[in-house]
Structure formats: C-alpha cells, structure tokens
C-alpha cells in the first residue's frame, strides 16, 4: 500500500506529516494515517517494514472503536516530535546518509580489529553497513524499547559478531555516578570483554554515534583527567555525528569570543586530535531541530548560521603522545584545575590571578611579553599550557595555596556536593536550548 492520508491535512498534523514524508521516503516503510473516533484529525502512525511483517519503532498503542471499527493510533514517540530542542537521542533514518557515513569511516573502523560500539543504532542502517564493511565485533548500545525488534533481528542474523547492550553509552556519566553511589559495576559490565591497553598503543575501542549534546565529551575529558571509566581501558577512538554548533564550541579560538571559548574548548583541544570527515544532511537524522527566531544582536547568531542544514561527521582521538608533549601524568589534574578555575570568568586577568597563588610573580609573566591587562580568554590553548608549565616550575609552587584549593575541590567531588559535569560552559548549551 502507499501513503494514505485525509484529503485535508489540518495544521495540527503539519509537523507530523512532514516527518512522515521523510520516514516514507528514506525508510521505505508502509505509513498509514488513522482517524480518531471523535472526527478530529489526530496524527498517528503505524509503520511496517515493506520487506517483512515487522512493525517498527514509532507505534505505541492502537485502540479500536467497536462501534465504528475505526482505528485510533495513540503515539507519543519522541522520535516524531519535531519541536524537541534538546533530544535525548538522535537516530539516522536515511539509508543514503548511513551509506555515505560508513564509506567515510569503513577503512579506519576495520583497522586493528578493536570492538566497535554503536550508540543509539535505532533502525540499524549504520549497523548493517558496518557489518558489511567487515566489522567482527559490533556492540549495539540501544536503550529504547521501540527498537528492540531491530536489535534482536541483527543479533539473530549475526550471532557471532553482534552483541546488544540495553544501555545508552552517551549516559555513561550517569552510570558512573550510580556506581560511585552504590559501589555497582555498571560501567565495568558495559565494557566487559574490552581488553586493556597502554596509552600509546592503538585504540582499544571505537565508538560511533550521533551526539545529542556535549555531555558525553565532557565526561570523557573528566575520565581522562582522573584516568577512570572508559579511559581506564586505554585510548578510545570516536566517530561522532554532531551539530555545527557543537563542533564550533569544541574547536573555537580566542577570537571567537568568551561566550564560546571556555574551559571545555581548551581542554578538548589539548587532549584530543580531530578531523572533520564529512558534512551530512540534517534531514537524515530525527528528531529534527526546532526552528528559532534569533534576534540579530544575539550572541548565538554566530553559531546558528553555521551550516544549519548539515551535521558534521568528526573523528576524535586522544593524543597518543599526550603524556610526553602536553603534561606528565602527575600534572594532569593540576592542569585541569588550572584551566577550569581561571576560565570560570570570561575576563580573568593572568597576572592578578597568578599573584593570588604566588605573590610577586607578575614580573616573570611580563618578561614573557604579557601585560597587566592580558586575560586568560586572550590566550590560545597552547599559550595557556605554556603559562601553566611555567607556573608549576616556580620554586614557590609546592607550598602555594593552589594545591590546597585543588584538593578541596577534589574532596567536594568525592562527597558528591560538587557537580563536575556542571560548569560555566553549560551556559552556552542552556541559552542555546532556550533560544
């Protein structure tokens, strides 16, 4: 059967109808609009795969009116909510986009034979492409019940190569927090079977997924700093599909403004190497973004106008030589605290801030070409790293209050009174969601 719909599509149905057209075009599924018993056109969908009798994802409930025999489909599936500003998960729904994505990463992803985690595989378009490319160990992290049937079919079809995990890997921070609270082993069970390796060895695992936010990357930075969780196994390799705004936040420079250039940007650029592989059409991923009417003077105009019709496929890998060329292992946590503390305010001046830790150190900074007006926000990540390296090399450093302040912060973190995931950078995403 073909797409059936009422002659007149009400304004209430418009957004759902638009999404349905995308589903029908790219998923090649049977899409049926049904009518409610009260004669009001209610958007509801029954999706059946044309190649099988399996009903997929978005159907949640079907009620039949015994008097009229008409069906009323009741659905609140998040996948179809176009006006979702900050979705919990994003799904690839275009076979052509999935094929293009797999073509871009197939050669790298197969190399080395490391296990591959796909986060929120949904309908399995990328999964099948990866299996066709030769992946021998594919672990599908899908927590949505809506896609349980697709995951079961893949596992039955490739029992020796596919393992299904009923967890969202992008919620790793939550799992780690729960483990810390009750002494559980959720994170350990998630990575059961992943061999541990030395930092400079080849990547121990490869992770693919569409990022709904930057929370997971912030958690990976935290894990790297404290050498816990996912980083405890070795260096992971990431293939993330992210929005242009997210990519901009991570890779921006001092000239892009203090509103964007924050501690997460600096730490990310010091820890990781990255490569923009491809631009993919935004319509290939659901849910679609809500359209904003941003004022011309808004600080968000700069990022909202960057490739609004695309998503970026980005390869991200922790630097193999990090502990040789950036900082030693014993200086990693002080570097993290140094960056976060001094970048909390967008206009912290370098010399006054450092003189709080070591009084009278200003002339040493001036000799390096800075002035009393130089702000941390004016410095590139490498320049901030250079200031930190000089700071910790001074003879007063071991006895200065900097270390005591850092230890106090760590104690608060251990007592769960300090949210390591929440910092001034979150203002960006919060404002972005409210726009």
Protein backbone atom coordinates (compact mmCIF):
# COMPACT_ATOMS: atom_id res chain seq x y z
CA UNK A 1 0.00 0.00 0.00
CA UNK A 2 1.04 3.57 -0.48
CA UNK A 3 0.84 6.55 1.82
CA UNK A 4 -2.79 7.18 2.82
CA UNK A 5 -3.95 10.46 4.27
CA UNK A 6 -7.01 12.62 4.54
CA UNK A 7 -7.83 14.99 1.72
CA UNK A 8 -7.38 17.92 4.05
CA UNK A 9 -4.40 17.86 6.39
CA UNK A 10 -5.05 20.09 9.36
CA UNK A 11 -2.46 22.49 10.71
CA UNK A 12 -2.22 20.29 13.79
CA UNK A 13 -0.91 17.46 11.63
CA UNK A 14 1.54 19.52 9.61
CA UNK A 15 4.73 18.78 11.52
CA UNK A 16 3.96 15.08 11.90
CA UNK A 17 3.08 14.89 8.24
CA UNK A 18 6.44 16.43 7.30
CA UNK A 19 8.28 13.89 9.42
CA UNK A 20 6.18 11.11 7.93
CA UNK A 21 7.21 12.08 4.41
CA UNK A 22 10.84 11.70 5.42
CA UNK A 23 10.15 8.33 7.02
CA UNK A 24 8.25 7.14 3.98
CA UNK A 25 10.92 8.32 1.54
CA UNK A 26 14.01 7.06 3.31
CA UNK A 27 12.83 4.12 5.44
CA UNK A 28 10.77 2.55 2.65
CA UNK A 29 8.05 1.60 5.13
CA UNK A 30 4.30 1.48 4.97
CA UNK A 31 2.89 4.63 6.57
CA UNK A 32 -0.82 4.87 7.39
CA UNK A 33 -2.67 7.83 8.85
CA UNK A 34 -5.62 6.86 11.04
CA UNK A 35 -8.63 8.79 12.19
CA UNK A 36 -9.77 9.20 15.77
CA UNK A 37 -13.28 8.32 16.93
CA UNK A 38 -14.22 11.96 17.59
CA UNK A 39 -13.72 13.03 13.95
CA UNK A 40 -10.69 15.17 14.87
CA UNK A 41 -7.68 14.54 12.70
CA UNK A 42 -5.10 13.18 15.14
CA UNK A 43 -1.61 12.43 13.89
CA UNK A 44 -0.87 8.76 14.41
CA UNK A 45 1.39 6.37 12.60
CA UNK A 46 1.66 2.64 12.00
CA UNK A 47 4.96 1.76 10.39
CA UNK A 48 5.53 -1.64 8.85
CA UNK A 49 8.64 -2.70 7.03
CA UNK A 50 7.74 -3.37 3.41
CA UNK A 51 10.14 -6.32 3.32
CA UNK A 52 8.63 -8.07 6.34
CA UNK A 53 5.62 -8.05 8.62
CA UNK A 54 7.59 -6.47 11.45
CA UNK A 55 6.17 -3.26 12.85
CA UNK A 56 8.84 -0.75 13.77
CA UNK A 57 9.57 1.84 16.35
CA UNK A 58 7.04 4.57 16.46
CA UNK A 59 3.83 2.68 17.12
CA UNK A 60 2.99 2.71 20.84
CA UNK A 61 -0.69 1.84 21.08
CA UNK A 62 -3.64 1.05 18.81
CA UNK A 63 -7.18 1.36 20.06
CA UNK A 64 -10.20 0.23 18.07
CA UNK A 65 -13.66 1.65 18.37
CA UNK A 66 -16.02 -1.32 18.46
CA UNK A 67 -18.95 0.74 17.23
CA UNK A 68 -17.36 2.21 14.11
CA UNK A 69 -14.49 -0.18 13.60
CA UNK A 70 -12.10 2.71 13.05
CA UNK A 71 -8.61 2.60 14.45
CA UNK A 72 -7.14 5.36 16.59
CA UNK A 73 -3.37 5.26 16.88
CA UNK A 74 -2.07 6.88 20.04
CA UNK A 75 1.61 7.72 19.84
CA UNK A 76 3.92 9.90 21.89
CA UNK A 77 7.13 8.53 20.41
CA UNK A 78 9.93 11.07 20.94
CA UNK A 79 11.36 10.22 17.55
CA UNK A 80 8.48 12.03 15.84
CA UNK A 81 8.49 15.18 17.95
CA UNK A 82 9.93 17.80 15.68
CA UNK A 83 9.69 20.53 18.29
CA UNK A 84 12.23 18.83 20.53
CA UNK A 85 15.03 21.30 21.25
CA UNK A 86 17.29 19.01 23.29
CA UNK A 87 16.51 15.38 22.34
CA UNK A 88 17.70 12.50 24.48
CA UNK A 89 18.91 10.69 21.37
CA UNK A 90 19.26 11.24 17.64
CA UNK A 91 18.69 8.49 15.05
CA UNK A 92 19.86 8.01 11.48
CA UNK A 93 16.79 7.49 9.28
CA UNK A 94 18.23 7.87 5.79
CA UNK A 95 19.86 4.84 4.15
CA UNK A 96 21.86 7.01 1.76
CA UNK A 97 23.24 9.11 4.64
CA UNK A 98 24.13 5.93 6.53
CA UNK A 99 25.92 4.52 3.50
CA UNK A 100 27.88 7.74 2.99
CA UNK A 101 28.83 7.76 6.66
CA UNK A 102 30.04 4.15 6.62
CA UNK A 103 32.00 4.75 3.40
CA UNK A 104 33.87 7.58 5.14
CA UNK A 105 34.94 5.54 8.16
CA UNK A 106 35.00 1.92 6.92
CA UNK A 107 38.74 1.74 6.28
CA UNK A 108 39.68 3.17 9.68
CA UNK A 109 36.99 1.37 11.63
CA UNK A 110 38.01 -2.10 10.46
CA UNK A 111 41.72 -1.49 11.02
CA UNK A 112 43.13 -3.13 14.15
CA UNK A 113 40.12 -5.31 14.95
CA UNK A 114 39.11 -3.34 18.07
CA UNK A 115 35.49 -3.77 19.25
CA UNK A 116 33.10 -1.19 17.81
CA UNK A 117 30.31 0.36 19.89
CA UNK A 118 27.42 1.97 18.04
CA UNK A 119 25.33 4.25 20.25
CA UNK A 120 21.60 4.50 19.58
CA UNK A 121 21.64 2.45 16.35
CA UNK A 122 17.85 2.72 16.06
CA UNK A 123 16.76 1.17 12.76
CA UNK A 124 20.19 -0.36 12.18
CA UNK A 125 21.10 1.33 8.89
CA UNK A 126 24.65 2.16 10.04
CA UNK A 127 24.92 -1.20 11.82
CA UNK A 128 24.32 -3.18 8.65
CA UNK A 129 26.78 -1.01 6.76
CA UNK A 130 29.46 -1.65 9.39
CA UNK A 131 28.84 -5.39 9.29
CA UNK A 132 29.06 -5.36 5.51
CA UNK A 133 32.37 -3.49 5.82
CA UNK A 134 33.80 -6.37 7.82
CA UNK A 135 33.38 -5.42 11.50
CA UNK A 136 33.76 -8.61 13.54
CA UNK A 137 32.75 -7.27 16.97
CA UNK A 138 29.85 -4.81 16.87
CA UNK A 139 28.22 -3.90 20.17
CA UNK A 140 24.91 -2.07 19.81
CA UNK A 141 24.02 0.23 22.71
CA UNK A 142 20.29 0.79 22.37
CA UNK A 143 18.11 1.51 25.40
CA UNK A 144 14.89 2.41 23.53
CA UNK A 145 12.28 -0.36 23.64
CA UNK A 146 10.94 0.92 20.32
CA UNK A 147 13.94 -0.53 18.50
CA UNK A 148 14.22 -3.81 20.41
CA UNK A 149 12.92 -5.80 17.43
CA UNK A 150 15.54 -4.37 15.07
CA UNK A 151 18.31 -5.17 17.55
CA UNK A 152 17.02 -8.70 18.05
CA UNK A 153 16.92 -9.33 14.30
CA UNK A 154 20.51 -8.13 13.88
CA UNK A 155 21.71 -10.27 16.75
CA UNK A 156 19.93 -13.35 15.40
CA UNK A 157 21.33 -12.72 11.93
CA UNK A 158 24.91 -12.19 13.14
CA UNK A 159 25.13 -14.08 16.46
CA UNK A 160 28.93 -14.29 16.45
CA UNK A 161 29.52 -10.64 15.56
CA UNK A 162 26.74 -8.63 17.21
CA UNK A 163 26.06 -8.06 20.90
CA UNK A 164 23.15 -5.91 22.07
CA UNK A 165 23.51 -3.82 25.23
CA UNK A 166 20.35 -2.33 26.67
CA UNK A 167 22.12 0.89 27.68
CA UNK A 168 22.75 4.33 26.22
CA UNK A 169 26.52 4.75 26.16
CA UNK A 170 26.09 8.52 25.96
CA UNK A 171 24.67 8.31 29.50
CA UNK A 172 27.98 6.96 30.78
CA UNK A 173 28.32 9.82 33.30
CA UNK A 174 25.05 8.76 34.93
CA UNK A 175 26.15 5.12 35.11
CA UNK A 176 29.50 6.15 36.66
CA UNK A 177 27.68 8.31 39.22
CA UNK A 178 25.38 5.43 40.18
CA UNK A 179 28.40 3.12 40.54
CA UNK A 180 30.05 5.67 42.79
CA UNK A 181 26.95 5.92 44.96
CA UNK A 182 26.25 2.22 45.48
CA UNK A 183 29.53 0.55 44.58
CA UNK A 184 28.00 -1.03 41.48
CA UNK A 185 29.72 -2.24 38.32
CA UNK A 186 27.54 -0.79 35.56
CA UNK A 187 30.43 0.80 33.65
CA UNK A 188 32.56 -2.31 34.03
CA UNK A 189 29.77 -4.55 32.73
CA UNK A 190 29.23 -2.22 29.76
CA UNK A 191 32.85 -2.67 28.67
CA UNK A 192 33.11 -6.34 29.64
CA UNK A 193 35.28 -8.04 27.06
CA UNK A 194 37.26 -4.92 26.10
CA UNK A 195 40.97 -5.65 26.66
CA UNK A 196 43.03 -3.04 28.48
CA UNK A 197 46.00 -1.46 26.73
CA UNK A 198 48.77 1.05 27.33
CA UNK A 199 48.07 4.67 26.48
CA UNK A 200 50.37 4.79 23.45
CA UNK A 201 49.02 1.55 21.98
CA UNK A 202 46.44 1.51 19.19
CA UNK A 203 42.86 2.48 20.16
CA UNK A 204 41.32 -0.14 22.41
CA UNK A 205 37.74 0.51 21.22
CA UNK A 206 35.90 2.57 18.61
CA UNK A 207 32.64 4.37 19.29
CA UNK A 208 30.14 5.67 16.72
CA UNK A 209 27.03 7.73 17.35
CA UNK A 210 25.03 10.92 16.87
CA UNK A 211 25.69 13.30 19.77
CA UNK A 212 22.55 14.88 21.28
CA UNK A 213 24.72 17.21 23.43
CA UNK A 214 28.31 17.75 24.59
CA UNK A 215 27.76 15.99 27.93
CA UNK A 216 29.45 12.77 26.82
CA UNK A 217 32.57 14.59 25.61
CA UNK A 218 32.76 16.47 28.91
CA UNK A 219 32.56 13.15 30.72
CA UNK A 220 35.36 11.69 28.58
CA UNK A 221 37.52 14.71 29.44
CA UNK A 222 36.80 14.05 33.12
CA UNK A 223 37.63 10.36 32.69
CA UNK A 224 40.91 11.28 31.03
CA UNK A 225 41.88 13.67 33.81
CA UNK A 226 41.24 11.09 36.54
CA UNK A 227 42.12 8.04 34.39
CA UNK A 228 38.87 6.31 35.26
CA UNK A 229 35.89 4.80 33.45
CA UNK A 230 36.25 4.46 29.70
CA UNK A 231 39.81 5.85 29.71
CA UNK A 232 40.96 3.19 32.19
CA UNK A 233 40.93 0.69 29.29
CA UNK A 234 43.19 2.75 27.02
CA UNK A 235 42.67 5.25 24.23
CA UNK A 236 39.22 5.12 22.59
CA UNK A 237 38.58 6.34 19.04
CA UNK A 238 35.38 8.26 18.36
CA UNK A 239 33.37 8.85 15.20
CA UNK A 240 30.73 11.37 16.22
CA UNK A 241 27.99 12.98 14.15
CA UNK A 242 27.46 16.39 15.77
CA UNK A 243 25.84 19.69 15.01
CA UNK A 244 27.96 22.51 13.54
CA UNK A 245 27.34 24.47 16.75
CA UNK A 246 28.78 21.65 18.89
CA UNK A 247 31.80 21.39 16.62
CA UNK A 248 32.29 25.15 16.85
CA UNK A 249 32.14 25.12 20.66
CA UNK A 250 34.84 22.45 20.85
CA UNK A 251 37.23 23.88 18.27
CA UNK A 252 36.76 27.65 18.59
CA UNK A 253 39.66 30.01 19.25
CA UNK A 254 40.10 33.13 21.43
CA UNK A 255 38.98 35.44 18.63
CA UNK A 256 35.56 33.74 18.55
CA UNK A 257 34.58 35.37 21.84
CA UNK A 258 34.46 34.47 25.51
CA UNK A 259 30.88 33.28 25.22
CA UNK A 260 32.08 30.26 23.22
CA UNK A 261 35.77 29.90 24.06
CA UNK A 262 35.67 28.32 27.52
CA UNK A 263 37.40 25.66 29.61
CA UNK A 264 35.84 22.75 27.70
CA UNK A 265 37.15 24.15 24.41
CA UNK A 266 40.67 24.49 25.82
CA UNK A 267 40.80 21.06 27.46
CA UNK A 268 39.34 19.38 24.39
CA UNK A 269 41.95 20.92 22.10
CA UNK A 270 44.80 19.97 24.44
CA UNK A 271 43.66 16.35 24.91
CA UNK A 272 42.32 15.34 21.50
CA UNK A 273 43.16 15.32 17.84
CA UNK A 274 40.19 15.70 15.49
CA UNK A 275 39.33 15.66 11.82
CA UNK A 276 36.14 16.79 10.09
CA UNK A 277 35.43 13.93 7.67
CA UNK A 278 32.13 14.82 6.02
CA UNK A 279 29.06 17.03 6.12
CA UNK A 280 25.79 15.07 6.21
CA UNK A 281 22.28 16.45 5.55
CA UNK A 282 20.41 17.26 8.76
CA UNK A 283 17.18 15.80 7.38
CA UNK A 284 18.79 12.35 7.61
CA UNK A 285 18.50 12.42 11.42
CA UNK A 286 15.45 12.51 13.66
CA UNK A 287 14.12 14.32 15.58
CA UNK A 288 14.53 17.48 13.56
CA UNK A 289 15.52 20.69 15.29
CA UNK A 290 13.05 23.33 16.32
CA UNK A 291 13.45 26.49 14.29
CA UNK A 292 14.48 29.53 16.30
CA UNK A 293 13.86 33.18 15.61
CA UNK A 294 17.09 34.64 16.95
CA UNK A 295 17.50 38.37 17.38
CA UNK A 296 20.18 39.96 15.22
CA UNK A 297 22.07 41.12 18.31
CA UNK A 298 22.04 37.67 19.94
CA UNK A 299 25.43 36.09 20.61
CA UNK A 300 24.05 32.84 19.21
CA UNK A 301 23.67 34.20 15.68
CA UNK A 302 27.30 33.31 15.02
CA UNK A 303 26.77 29.60 15.59
CA UNK A 304 23.17 29.23 14.45
CA UNK A 305 24.11 30.38 10.97
CA UNK A 306 26.89 27.80 10.53
CA UNK A 307 25.72 25.14 8.06
CA UNK A 308 22.18 24.87 9.52
CA UNK A 309 21.25 22.17 7.00
CA UNK A 310 24.09 19.82 7.90
CA UNK A 311 25.55 17.59 10.59
CA UNK A 312 29.31 17.03 10.87
CA UNK A 313 30.98 13.62 10.92
CA UNK A 314 34.09 14.08 13.07
CA UNK A 315 36.85 11.66 14.01
CA UNK A 316 38.20 12.32 17.51
CA UNK A 317 41.14 10.52 19.13
CA UNK A 318 43.04 11.28 22.38
CA UNK A 319 46.60 12.31 21.61
CA UNK A 320 48.91 9.30 21.62
CA UNK A 321 51.83 11.44 22.85
CA UNK A 322 49.79 13.43 25.39
CA UNK A 323 51.88 12.47 28.43
CA UNK A 324 55.10 13.27 26.58
CA UNK A 325 54.22 16.52 24.81
CA UNK A 326 51.43 18.10 26.89
CA UNK A 327 51.83 17.23 30.58
CA UNK A 328 53.11 14.33 32.64
CA UNK A 329 50.62 12.08 34.42
CA UNK A 330 51.25 13.73 37.81
CA UNK A 331 50.50 17.19 36.38
CA UNK A 332 47.29 16.29 34.55
CA UNK A 333 44.91 17.02 37.42
CA UNK A 334 46.61 20.35 38.29
CA UNK A 335 46.29 21.34 34.61
CA UNK A 336 42.57 20.53 34.67
CA UNK A 337 42.05 22.59 37.82
CA UNK A 338 44.20 25.44 36.48
CA UNK A 339 42.15 25.72 33.29
CA UNK A 340 38.72 25.35 34.90
CA UNK A 341 39.47 27.74 37.77
CA UNK A 342 40.89 30.55 35.66
CA UNK A 343 38.33 30.26 32.83
CA UNK A 344 35.27 30.41 35.09
CA UNK A 345 35.14 34.13 34.50
CA UNK A 346 35.47 35.16 30.90
CA UNK A 347 37.81 38.06 31.68
CA UNK A 348 40.12 36.80 34.43
CA UNK A 349 43.44 38.59 34.06
CA UNK A 350 46.50 36.39 34.06
CA UNK A 351 48.85 38.33 36.35
CA UNK A 352 46.35 39.22 39.13
CA UNK A 353 45.07 35.63 39.17
CA UNK A 354 48.53 34.07 39.42
CA UNK A 355 49.63 36.54 42.07
CA UNK A 356 46.81 35.24 44.28
CA UNK A 357 48.68 31.93 44.31
CA UNK A 358 52.25 33.26 44.27
CA UNK A 359 52.52 36.93 45.28
CA UNK A 360 55.03 38.96 43.30
CA UNK A 361 55.18 36.61 40.31
CA UNK A 362 53.88 39.29 37.93
CA UNK A 363 57.28 40.48 36.61
CA UNK A 364 58.08 36.92 35.47
CA UNK A 365 54.93 36.94 33.35
CA UNK A 366 55.65 40.42 31.98
CA UNK A 367 59.08 39.21 30.86
CA UNK A 368 57.27 36.71 28.64
CA UNK A 369 55.51 39.51 26.78
CA UNK A 370 52.20 39.76 28.68
CA UNK A 371 50.80 42.87 30.33
CA UNK A 372 48.72 43.51 33.41
CA UNK A 373 45.68 43.59 31.13
CA UNK A 374 46.22 40.19 29.45
CA UNK A 375 43.23 37.94 30.08
CA UNK A 376 43.10 34.15 30.06
CA UNK A 377 40.46 34.42 27.35
CA UNK A 378 43.04 36.08 25.09
CA UNK A 379 45.34 33.05 25.16
CA UNK A 380 45.26 30.02 22.88
CA UNK A 381 45.21 26.55 24.47
CA UNK A 382 48.93 26.19 23.83
CA UNK A 383 49.63 29.58 25.43
CA UNK A 384 47.56 28.63 28.49
CA UNK A 385 49.50 25.37 28.66
CA UNK A 386 52.76 27.34 28.50
CA UNK A 387 51.66 29.60 31.38
CA UNK A 388 50.72 26.53 33.43
CA UNK A 389 54.06 24.82 32.78
CA UNK A 390 55.95 27.92 33.95
CA UNK A 391 53.65 28.28 36.97
CA UNK A 392 54.31 24.73 38.21
CA UNK A 393 58.07 25.13 37.61
CA UNK A 394 58.43 28.05 40.02
CA UNK A 395 60.07 27.17 43.38
CA UNK A 396 57.10 28.61 45.32
CA UNK A 397 54.60 26.28 43.62
CA UNK A 398 54.78 23.27 46.00
CA UNK A 399 53.91 25.47 49.00
CA UNK A 400 51.41 27.84 47.39
CA UNK A 401 47.63 27.68 48.14
CA UNK A 402 46.89 26.44 44.62
CA UNK A 403 47.38 22.79 45.60
CA UNK A 404 45.29 23.13 48.76
CA UNK A 405 42.46 24.70 46.75
CA UNK A 406 42.64 21.86 44.23
CA UNK A 407 42.48 19.25 46.98
CA UNK A 408 39.44 20.97 48.49
CA UNK A 409 37.70 20.78 45.12
CA UNK A 410 38.50 17.05 44.86
CA UNK A 411 37.10 16.43 48.35
CA UNK A 412 33.84 18.11 47.37
CA UNK A 413 33.69 15.94 44.26
CA UNK A 414 34.14 12.76 46.30
CA UNK A 415 31.38 13.79 48.72
CA UNK A 416 29.01 14.36 45.76
CA UNK A 417 28.48 18.01 46.72
CA UNK A 418 30.26 19.22 43.59
CA UNK A 419 28.93 18.56 40.11
CA UNK A 420 31.97 18.01 37.92
CA UNK A 421 29.82 17.92 34.80
CA UNK A 422 28.33 21.34 35.51
CA UNK A 423 30.47 24.37 34.85
CA UNK A 424 30.30 27.77 33.26
CA UNK A 425 30.44 26.19 29.80
CA UNK A 426 26.92 24.88 30.33
CA UNK A 427 25.61 28.42 29.96
CA UNK A 428 26.17 28.04 26.25
CA UNK A 429 24.01 24.97 25.79
CA UNK A 430 21.34 26.22 28.22
CA UNK A 431 20.99 29.51 26.34
CA UNK A 432 21.02 27.62 23.05
CA UNK A 433 18.10 25.44 24.22
CA UNK A 434 16.07 28.40 25.44
CA UNK A 435 16.50 30.49 22.27
